[in-house]
Amino acid sequence: MSGTISVPEGGFRFIPAVYQYSGGVAAEPGFTLERVRFAEPVPLMQGFARIAEVLESAGRPKAAFAACELRSPAPFTEEGFAAFNRVYGGVLQEWGIFRDGRNPVARSNVCPDIAPPAEPCFHAFVFTVPDAGAAPSFAVAGSGESAEGKGDYRSNTVALGDVSPAGMLAKARWVLGEMERRMGLLGAGWAATTGVQAYTVHDIHPFLATEIVARGAARHGLTWQFCRPPVVDLEFEMDCRGLWRETVLPR
């Protein structure tokens, strides 16, 4: 599909975006995406090791690692976020996952406001498995209310510092629009979603019905996680997915 790049050995295509992640992924014909959630957050390097074990046991190459959801202790500064991304991206480069300098793995990285982890952790991940008769499946990376790849976050943030109802509405509209843009590039829309998540510590009720439910973004309900986006001064983030197999790994 135009606007995406295929990873043949992984069985998916991705939306090129920024160094730390792609904008989203969709399974290629003959494959399906599976989501695996850890029962408890797993520290980053241990999480990579567990993901490698799952891929190996499923007979899948590391290139099948398509998306992940992270949990971090607190929002990063711009410099701290860049430093973390170099560590995270370094593992993906060691795994041989980058394609012509592009990171194909979609990602969300948010910060629980209550009982956060002591260090960055994996919450969940998505990988491809062969399935000749599978329906289309996709996972869209998380986005806060700032345009990616245009320099620093602060200069490109919608309603910077404004957490009033009007400010949060503006932020939500931008993020919802970005979800729709990314899904469109993957050939999907809200009607194809099986899970939608919102991450904020601010009240979403003033626009829940008119902006989220009315768009069809809560057709299976909305998972509201009391988390902050990963960079200081971002206040609202979402991600979404449309896939058919989800499991939970015990501790």
C-alpha atoms as a PDB file:
ATOM      1  CA  MET A   1       0.000   0.000   0.000  1.00  0.00           C
ATOM      2  CA  SER A   2       1.256   3.488  -0.846  1.00  0.00           C
ATOM      3  CA  GLY A   3       2.916   5.177   2.110  1.00  0.00           C
ATOM      4  CA  THR A   4       4.095   1.939   3.692  1.00  0.00           C
ATOM      5  CA  ILE A   5       7.211  -0.217   3.407  1.00  0.00           C
ATOM      6  CA  SER A   6       7.156  -4.003   3.415  1.00  0.00           C
ATOM      7  CA  VAL A   7       9.319  -6.208   5.642  1.00  0.00           C
ATOM      8  CA  PRO A   8       8.994  -9.501   3.708  1.00  0.00           C
ATOM      9  CA  GLU A   9      10.954 -11.576   6.216  1.00  0.00           C
ATOM     10  CA  GLY A  10       8.755 -10.215   9.011  1.00  0.00           C
ATOM     11  CA  GLY A  11       5.429 -10.600   7.252  1.00  0.00           C
ATOM     12  CA  PHE A  12       4.266  -7.020   7.772  1.00  0.00           C
ATOM     13  CA  ARG A  13       4.456  -3.521   6.342  1.00  0.00           C
ATOM     14  CA  PHE A  14       5.024  -0.291   8.251  1.00  0.00           C
ATOM     15  CA  ILE A  15       4.522   3.452   8.093  1.00  0.00           C
ATOM     16  CA  PRO A  16       7.959   5.122   8.105  1.00  0.00           C
ATOM     17  CA  ALA A  17       8.173   7.726  10.848  1.00  0.00           C
ATOM     18  CA  VAL A  18      11.026   8.581  13.246  1.00  0.00           C
ATOM     19  CA  TYR A  19      14.086   6.849  14.689  1.00  0.00           C
ATOM     20  CA  GLN A  20      12.365   5.445  17.755  1.00  0.00           C
ATOM     21  CA  TYR A  21       9.378   3.886  16.023  1.00  0.00           C
ATOM     22  CA  SER A  22       7.232   3.516  12.934  1.00  0.00           C
ATOM     23  CA  GLY A  23       3.772   5.051  12.704  1.00  0.00           C
ATOM     24  CA  GLY A  24       2.067   1.667  12.612  1.00  0.00           C
ATOM     25  CA  VAL A  25       2.172  -1.810  11.143  1.00  0.00           C
ATOM     26  CA  ALA A  26      -0.157  -4.140   9.245  1.00  0.00           C
ATOM     27  CA  ALA A  27       0.223  -7.834   8.527  1.00  0.00           C
ATOM     28  CA  GLU A  28       0.931  -8.806   4.954  1.00  0.00           C
ATOM     29  CA  PRO A  29      -1.367 -11.351   3.251  1.00  0.00           C
ATOM     30  CA  GLY A  30      -0.694 -14.799   4.659  1.00  0.00           C
ATOM     31  CA  PHE A  31       0.180 -13.457   8.110  1.00  0.00           C
ATOM     32  CA  THR A  32      -1.607 -12.163  11.172  1.00  0.00           C
ATOM     33  CA  LEU A  33      -0.517  -9.992  14.092  1.00  0.00           C
ATOM     34  CA  GLU A  34      -0.650 -11.383  17.623  1.00  0.00           C
ATOM     35  CA  ARG A  35      -0.461  -9.283  20.794  1.00  0.00           C
ATOM     36  CA  VAL A  36       1.168 -10.610  23.938  1.00  0.00           C
ATOM     37  CA  ARG A  37       0.831  -8.722  27.228  1.00  0.00           C
ATOM     38  CA  PHE A  38       3.014  -9.353  30.227  1.00  0.00           C
ATOM     39  CA  ALA A  39       1.073  -9.926  33.450  1.00  0.00           C
ATOM     40  CA  GLU A  40       3.501  -7.490  35.098  1.00  0.00           C
ATOM     41  CA  PRO A  41       5.850  -4.991  33.460  1.00  0.00           C
ATOM     42  CA  VAL A  42       9.210  -6.511  32.508  1.00  0.00           C
ATOM     43  CA  PRO A  43      12.389  -4.380  32.604  1.00  0.00           C
ATOM     44  CA  LEU A  44      13.591  -3.385  29.155  1.00  0.00           C
ATOM     45  CA  MET A  45      16.526  -5.715  28.580  1.00  0.00           C
ATOM     46  CA  GLN A  46      14.825  -8.644  30.297  1.00  0.00           C
ATOM     47  CA  GLY A  47      11.790  -7.900  28.157  1.00  0.00           C
ATOM     48  CA  PHE A  48      13.812  -8.053  24.966  1.00  0.00           C
ATOM     49  CA  ALA A  49      15.139 -11.441  26.083  1.00  0.00           C
ATOM     50  CA  ARG A  50      11.641 -12.746  26.812  1.00  0.00           C
ATOM     51  CA  ILE A  51      10.372 -11.486  23.467  1.00  0.00           C
ATOM     52  CA  ALA A  52      13.240 -13.274  21.725  1.00  0.00           C
ATOM     53  CA  GLU A  53      12.255 -16.472  23.548  1.00  0.00           C
ATOM     54  CA  VAL A  54       8.629 -16.150  22.473  1.00  0.00           C
ATOM     55  CA  LEU A  55       9.640 -15.558  18.865  1.00  0.00           C
ATOM     56  CA  GLU A  56      11.972 -18.531  18.894  1.00  0.00           C
ATOM     57  CA  SER A  57       9.391 -20.832  20.461  1.00  0.00           C
ATOM     58  CA  ALA A  58       6.895 -19.752  17.806  1.00  0.00           C
ATOM     59  CA  GLY A  59       9.404 -20.450  15.057  1.00  0.00           C
ATOM     60  CA  ARG A  60       9.504 -16.786  14.085  1.00  0.00           C
ATOM     61  CA  PRO A  61      12.534 -14.641  13.242  1.00  0.00           C
ATOM     62  CA  LYS A  62      13.337 -11.490  15.171  1.00  0.00           C
ATOM     63  CA  ALA A  63      12.156  -9.594  12.084  1.00  0.00           C
ATOM     64  CA  ALA A  64       8.611 -10.672  13.058  1.00  0.00           C
ATOM     65  CA  PHE A  65       8.716  -8.302  16.064  1.00  0.00           C
ATOM     66  CA  ALA A  66       6.332  -5.621  14.821  1.00  0.00           C
ATOM     67  CA  ALA A  67       5.163  -3.429  17.725  1.00  0.00           C
ATOM     68  CA  CYS A  68       5.425  -2.919  21.459  1.00  0.00           C
ATOM     69  CA  GLU A  69       4.009  -1.006  24.398  1.00  0.00           C
ATOM     70  CA  LEU A  70       6.382   0.353  27.040  1.00  0.00           C
ATOM     71  CA  ARG A  71       5.946   1.751  30.540  1.00  0.00           C
ATOM     72  CA  SER A  72       8.412   4.280  31.948  1.00  0.00           C
ATOM     73  CA  PRO A  73       8.871   5.769  35.428  1.00  0.00           C
ATOM     74  CA  ALA A  74       8.095   9.395  34.487  1.00  0.00           C
ATOM     75  CA  PRO A  75       7.985  11.679  31.454  1.00  0.00           C
ATOM     76  CA  PHE A  76      11.409  12.302  29.947  1.00  0.00           C
ATOM     77  CA  THR A  77      12.990  15.585  29.046  1.00  0.00           C
ATOM     78  CA  GLU A  78      13.638  15.897  25.328  1.00  0.00           C
ATOM     79  CA  GLU A  79      17.297  15.024  25.926  1.00  0.00           C
ATOM     80  CA  GLY A  80      16.438  12.120  28.224  1.00  0.00           C
ATOM     81  CA  PHE A  81      13.964  10.715  25.716  1.00  0.00           C
ATOM     82  CA  ALA A  82      16.568  10.852  22.951  1.00  0.00           C
ATOM     83  CA  ALA A  83      19.078   9.043  25.193  1.00  0.00           C
ATOM     84  CA  PHE A  84      16.543   6.328  26.061  1.00  0.00           C
ATOM     85  CA  ASN A  85      15.638   5.879  22.406  1.00  0.00           C
ATOM     86  CA  ARG A  86      19.282   5.303  21.532  1.00  0.00           C
ATOM     87  CA  VAL A  87      19.412   2.427  24.033  1.00  0.00           C
ATOM     88  CA  TYR A  88      16.120   0.950  22.831  1.00  0.00           C
ATOM     89  CA  GLY A  89      16.939   1.459  19.163  1.00  0.00           C
ATOM     90  CA  GLY A  90      20.382  -0.001  19.670  1.00  0.00           C
ATOM     91  CA  VAL A  91      18.863  -3.375  20.523  1.00  0.00           C
ATOM     92  CA  LEU A  92      16.689  -3.285  17.412  1.00  0.00           C
ATOM     93  CA  GLN A  93      19.763  -2.512  15.344  1.00  0.00           C
ATOM     94  CA  GLU A  94      21.607  -5.431  16.964  1.00  0.00           C
ATOM     95  CA  TRP A  95      18.652  -7.613  16.022  1.00  0.00           C
ATOM     96  CA  GLY A  96      19.004  -6.453  12.409  1.00  0.00           C
ATOM     97  CA  ILE A  97      15.500  -5.014  12.396  1.00  0.00           C
ATOM     98  CA  PHE A  98      16.128  -1.559  10.892  1.00  0.00           C
ATOM     99  CA  ARG A  99      15.419  -1.349   7.166  1.00  0.00           C
ATOM    100  CA  ASP A 100      17.584   1.130   5.210  1.00  0.00           C
ATOM    101  CA  GLY A 101      17.947   3.189   8.370  1.00  0.00           C
ATOM    102  CA  ARG A 102      14.225   3.062   9.166  1.00  0.00           C
ATOM    103  CA  ASN A 103      12.730   1.528  12.290  1.00  0.00           C
ATOM    104  CA  PRO A 104       9.745  -0.656  11.323  1.00  0.00           C
ATOM    105  CA  VAL A 105       8.589  -1.396  14.898  1.00  0.00           C
ATOM    106  CA  ALA A 106       5.546   0.572  16.077  1.00  0.00           C
ATOM    107  CA  ARG A 107       5.599   1.664  19.724  1.00  0.00           C
ATOM    108  CA  SER A 108       3.764   3.314  22.580  1.00  0.00           C
ATOM    109  CA  ASN A 109       5.700   4.478  25.636  1.00  0.00           C
ATOM    110  CA  VAL A 110       3.717   5.960  28.519  1.00  0.00           C
ATOM    111  CA  CYS A 111       4.235   6.675  32.199  1.00  0.00           C
ATOM    112  CA  PRO A 112       1.834   5.419  34.903  1.00  0.00           C
ATOM    113  CA  ASP A 113       1.078   8.306  37.229  1.00  0.00           C
ATOM    114  CA  ILE A 114       0.438   5.999  40.187  1.00  0.00           C
ATOM    115  CA  ALA A 115       2.743   3.085  41.112  1.00  0.00           C
ATOM    116  CA  PRO A 116       5.079   3.596  38.137  1.00  0.00           C
ATOM    117  CA  PRO A 117       7.832   1.077  37.373  1.00  0.00           C
ATOM    118  CA  ALA A 118      11.320   1.780  38.689  1.00  0.00           C
ATOM    119  CA  GLU A 119      12.779   1.621  35.176  1.00  0.00           C
ATOM    120  CA  PRO A 120      11.502   1.448  31.584  1.00  0.00           C
ATOM    121  CA  CYS A 121       9.629  -1.806  31.014  1.00  0.00           C
ATOM    122  CA  PHE A 122       7.742  -3.760  28.399  1.00  0.00           C
ATOM    123  CA  HIS A 123       3.982  -3.940  28.889  1.00  0.00           C
ATOM    124  CA  ALA A 124       3.085  -5.767  25.662  1.00  0.00           C
ATOM    125  CA  PHE A 125       4.362  -6.599  22.213  1.00  0.00           C
ATOM    126  CA  VAL A 126       3.030  -7.646  18.818  1.00  0.00           C
ATOM    127  CA  PHE A 127       4.517 -10.084  16.321  1.00  0.00           C
ATOM    128  CA  THR A 128       3.485 -11.817  13.115  1.00  0.00           C
ATOM    129  CA  VAL A 129       2.667 -15.482  12.581  1.00  0.00           C
ATOM    130  CA  PRO A 130       1.762 -17.234   9.332  1.00  0.00           C
ATOM    131  CA  ASP A 131      -1.976 -17.604   8.745  1.00  0.00           C
ATOM    132  CA  ALA A 132      -3.125 -18.167   5.196  1.00  0.00           C
ATOM    133  CA  GLY A 133      -6.761 -17.320   5.922  1.00  0.00           C
ATOM    134  CA  ALA A 134      -6.266 -14.436   8.319  1.00  0.00           C
ATOM    135  CA  ALA A 135      -8.358 -11.289   8.151  1.00  0.00           C
ATOM    136  CA  PRO A 136      -6.376  -8.033   7.955  1.00  0.00           C
ATOM    137  CA  SER A 137      -4.701  -6.979  11.211  1.00  0.00           C
ATOM    138  CA  PHE A 138      -2.861  -3.838  12.258  1.00  0.00           C
ATOM    139  CA  ALA A 139      -1.396  -1.911  15.194  1.00  0.00           C
ATOM    140  CA  VAL A 140      -1.008   1.867  15.237  1.00  0.00           C
ATOM    141  CA  ALA A 141       1.778   3.430  17.277  1.00  0.00           C
ATOM    142  CA  GLY A 142       0.949   5.777  20.109  1.00  0.00           C
ATOM    143  CA  SER A 143       0.867   9.490  19.421  1.00  0.00           C
ATOM    144  CA  GLY A 144       0.681  12.457  21.730  1.00  0.00           C
ATOM    145  CA  GLU A 145      -0.410  15.918  20.695  1.00  0.00           C
ATOM    146  CA  SER A 146       2.837  16.851  18.962  1.00  0.00           C
ATOM    147  CA  ALA A 147       3.891  16.324  15.363  1.00  0.00           C
ATOM    148  CA  GLU A 148       6.792  13.879  15.060  1.00  0.00           C
ATOM    149  CA  GLY A 149       9.929  14.470  13.056  1.00  0.00           C
ATOM    150  CA  LYS A 150       9.691  18.270  13.021  1.00  0.00           C
ATOM    151  CA  GLY A 151      12.338  19.057  15.602  1.00  0.00           C
ATOM    152  CA  ASP A 152      11.607  19.243  19.302  1.00  0.00           C
ATOM    153  CA  TYR A 153       8.258  18.253  20.784  1.00  0.00           C
ATOM    154  CA  ARG A 154       7.628  21.486  22.657  1.00  0.00           C
ATOM    155  CA  SER A 155       7.650  23.684  19.544  1.00  0.00           C
ATOM    156  CA  ASN A 156       5.133  21.422  17.811  1.00  0.00           C
ATOM    157  CA  THR A 157       2.729  20.673  20.665  1.00  0.00           C
ATOM    158  CA  VAL A 158      -0.960  21.492  20.303  1.00  0.00           C
ATOM    159  CA  ALA A 159      -2.239  23.793  23.068  1.00  0.00           C
ATOM    160  CA  LEU A 160       1.066  23.662  24.920  1.00  0.00           C
ATOM    161  CA  GLY A 161       0.556  23.959  28.676  1.00  0.00           C
ATOM    162  CA  ASP A 162      -3.221  24.235  28.337  1.00  0.00           C
ATOM    163  CA  VAL A 163      -5.030  21.489  30.262  1.00  0.00           C
ATOM    164  CA  SER A 164      -8.332  23.361  30.398  1.00  0.00           C
ATOM    165  CA  PRO A 165     -11.339  21.617  28.809  1.00  0.00           C
ATOM    166  CA  ALA A 166     -10.747  23.608  25.622  1.00  0.00           C
ATOM    167  CA  GLY A 167      -7.051  22.765  25.602  1.00  0.00           C
ATOM    168  CA  MET A 168      -7.660  19.063  26.162  1.00  0.00           C
ATOM    169  CA  LEU A 169     -10.297  19.049  23.429  1.00  0.00           C
ATOM    170  CA  ALA A 170      -7.792  20.541  20.975  1.00  0.00           C
ATOM    171  CA  LYS A 171      -5.197  17.971  21.951  1.00  0.00           C
ATOM    172  CA  ALA A 172      -7.655  15.077  21.638  1.00  0.00           C
ATOM    173  CA  ARG A 173      -8.853  16.211  18.227  1.00  0.00           C
ATOM    174  CA  TRP A 174      -5.289  16.344  16.946  1.00  0.00           C
ATOM    175  CA  VAL A 175      -4.436  12.898  18.328  1.00  0.00           C
ATOM    176  CA  LEU A 176      -7.648  11.329  17.018  1.00  0.00           C
ATOM    177  CA  GLY A 177      -6.891  12.802  13.615  1.00  0.00           C
ATOM    178  CA  GLU A 178      -3.413  11.321  13.718  1.00  0.00           C
ATOM    179  CA  MET A 179      -4.843   7.905  14.595  1.00  0.00           C
ATOM    180  CA  GLU A 180      -7.155   8.193  11.588  1.00  0.00           C
ATOM    181  CA  ARG A 181      -4.321   9.279   9.308  1.00  0.00           C
ATOM    182  CA  ARG A 182      -2.162   6.336  10.314  1.00  0.00           C
ATOM    183  CA  MET A 183      -4.998   3.839  10.048  1.00  0.00           C
ATOM    184  CA  GLY A 184      -5.780   5.206   6.608  1.00  0.00           C
ATOM    185  CA  LEU A 185      -2.228   4.487   5.460  1.00  0.00           C
ATOM    186  CA  LEU A 186      -2.718   0.902   6.666  1.00  0.00           C
ATOM    187  CA  GLY A 187      -6.046   0.550   4.877  1.00  0.00           C
ATOM    188  CA  ALA A 188      -8.094   0.596   8.067  1.00  0.00           C
ATOM    189  CA  GLY A 189     -10.388   2.805  10.147  1.00  0.00           C
ATOM    190  CA  TRP A 190     -12.225   2.821  13.462  1.00  0.00           C
ATOM    191  CA  ALA A 191     -14.613   0.121  12.221  1.00  0.00           C
ATOM    192  CA  ALA A 192     -11.666  -2.278  12.017  1.00  0.00           C
ATOM    193  CA  THR A 193     -10.360  -1.654  15.532  1.00  0.00           C
ATOM    194  CA  THR A 194     -10.541  -4.270  18.251  1.00  0.00           C
ATOM    195  CA  GLY A 195      -8.858  -2.157  20.920  1.00  0.00           C
ATOM    196  CA  VAL A 196      -8.379   1.572  21.511  1.00  0.00           C
ATOM    197  CA  GLN A 197      -6.382   3.050  24.389  1.00  0.00           C
ATOM    198  CA  ALA A 198      -6.149   6.595  25.745  1.00  0.00           C
ATOM    199  CA  TYR A 199      -3.394   7.745  28.062  1.00  0.00           C
ATOM    200  CA  THR A 200      -3.891  10.858  30.164  1.00  0.00           C
ATOM    201  CA  VAL A 201      -4.295  11.983  33.767  1.00  0.00           C
ATOM    202  CA  HIS A 202      -6.790  14.677  32.740  1.00  0.00           C
ATOM    203  CA  ASP A 203     -10.558  14.487  32.441  1.00  0.00           C
ATOM    204  CA  ILE A 204     -11.705  13.136  29.081  1.00  0.00           C
ATOM    205  CA  HIS A 205     -15.426  13.153  29.862  1.00  0.00           C
ATOM    206  CA  PRO A 206     -16.126  16.579  28.304  1.00  0.00           C
ATOM    207  CA  PHE A 207     -15.211  15.192  24.860  1.00  0.00           C
ATOM    208  CA  LEU A 208     -15.626  11.445  25.362  1.00  0.00           C
ATOM    209  CA  ALA A 209     -19.026  11.275  23.672  1.00  0.00           C
ATOM    210  CA  THR A 210     -18.654  13.947  21.006  1.00  0.00           C
ATOM    211  CA  GLU A 211     -15.101  13.235  19.843  1.00  0.00           C
ATOM    212  CA  ILE A 212     -14.265   9.642  20.771  1.00  0.00           C
ATOM    213  CA  VAL A 213     -17.530   7.700  20.843  1.00  0.00           C
ATOM    214  CA  ALA A 214     -19.119   9.626  17.978  1.00  0.00           C
ATOM    215  CA  ARG A 215     -16.187   8.804  15.684  1.00  0.00           C
ATOM    216  CA  GLY A 216     -16.570   5.088  16.375  1.00  0.00           C
ATOM    217  CA  ALA A 217     -13.335   5.002  18.355  1.00  0.00           C
ATOM    218  CA  ALA A 218     -15.033   3.323  21.337  1.00  0.00           C
ATOM    219  CA  ARG A 219     -17.034   0.708  19.441  1.00  0.00           C
ATOM    220  CA  HIS A 220     -15.628  -1.979  21.764  1.00  0.00           C
ATOM    221  CA  GLY A 221     -15.175   0.400  24.669  1.00  0.00           C
ATOM    222  CA  LEU A 222     -12.191   2.590  25.439  1.00  0.00           C
ATOM    223  CA  THR A 223      -9.286   1.559  27.654  1.00  0.00           C
ATOM    224  CA  TRP A 224      -8.332   4.690  29.599  1.00  0.00           C
ATOM    225  CA  GLN A 225      -4.975   4.200  31.258  1.00  0.00           C
ATOM    226  CA  PHE A 226      -4.026   6.701  33.941  1.00  0.00           C
ATOM    227  CA  CYS A 227      -0.671   7.435  32.368  1.00  0.00           C
ATOM    228  CA  ARG A 228       1.194  10.408  31.000  1.00  0.00           C
ATOM    229  CA  PRO A 229       2.797  10.520  27.544  1.00  0.00           C
ATOM    230  CA  PRO A 230       6.571   9.959  27.565  1.00  0.00           C
ATOM    231  CA  VAL A 231       7.794  13.552  27.159  1.00  0.00           C
ATOM    232  CA  VAL A 232       7.358  16.448  29.575  1.00  0.00           C
ATOM    233  CA  ASP A 233       4.469  18.795  28.636  1.00  0.00           C
ATOM    234  CA  LEU A 234       2.599  16.221  26.537  1.00  0.00           C
ATOM    235  CA  GLU A 235      -0.773  15.468  28.119  1.00  0.00           C
ATOM    236  CA  PHE A 236      -2.813  13.157  25.858  1.00  0.00           C
ATOM    237  CA  GLU A 237      -1.898  10.074  23.869  1.00  0.00           C
ATOM    238  CA  MET A 238      -3.739   7.277  22.102  1.00  0.00           C
ATOM    239  CA  ASP A 239      -3.006   4.085  20.230  1.00  0.00           C
ATOM    240  CA  CYS A 240      -5.261   1.540  18.536  1.00  0.00           C
ATOM    241  CA  ARG A 241      -5.187  -1.897  17.021  1.00  0.00           C
ATOM    242  CA  GLY A 242      -7.230  -4.359  15.015  1.00  0.00           C
ATOM    243  CA  LEU A 243      -6.091  -7.914  15.627  1.00  0.00           C
ATOM    244  CA  TRP A 244      -7.606 -11.258  16.537  1.00  0.00           C
ATOM    245  CA  ARG A 245      -5.307 -13.011  18.948  1.00  0.00           C
ATOM    246  CA  GLU A 246      -4.213 -11.657  22.322  1.00  0.00           C
ATOM    247  CA  THR A 247      -2.622 -13.559  25.174  1.00  0.00           C
ATOM    248  CA  VAL A 248      -1.164 -12.758  28.600  1.00  0.00           C
ATOM    249  CA  LEU A 249       2.184 -14.148  29.758  1.00  0.00           C
ATOM    250  CA  PRO A 250       2.399 -14.998  33.459  1.00  0.00           C
ATOM    251  CA  ARG A 251       5.126 -13.592  35.644  1.00  0.00           C
END
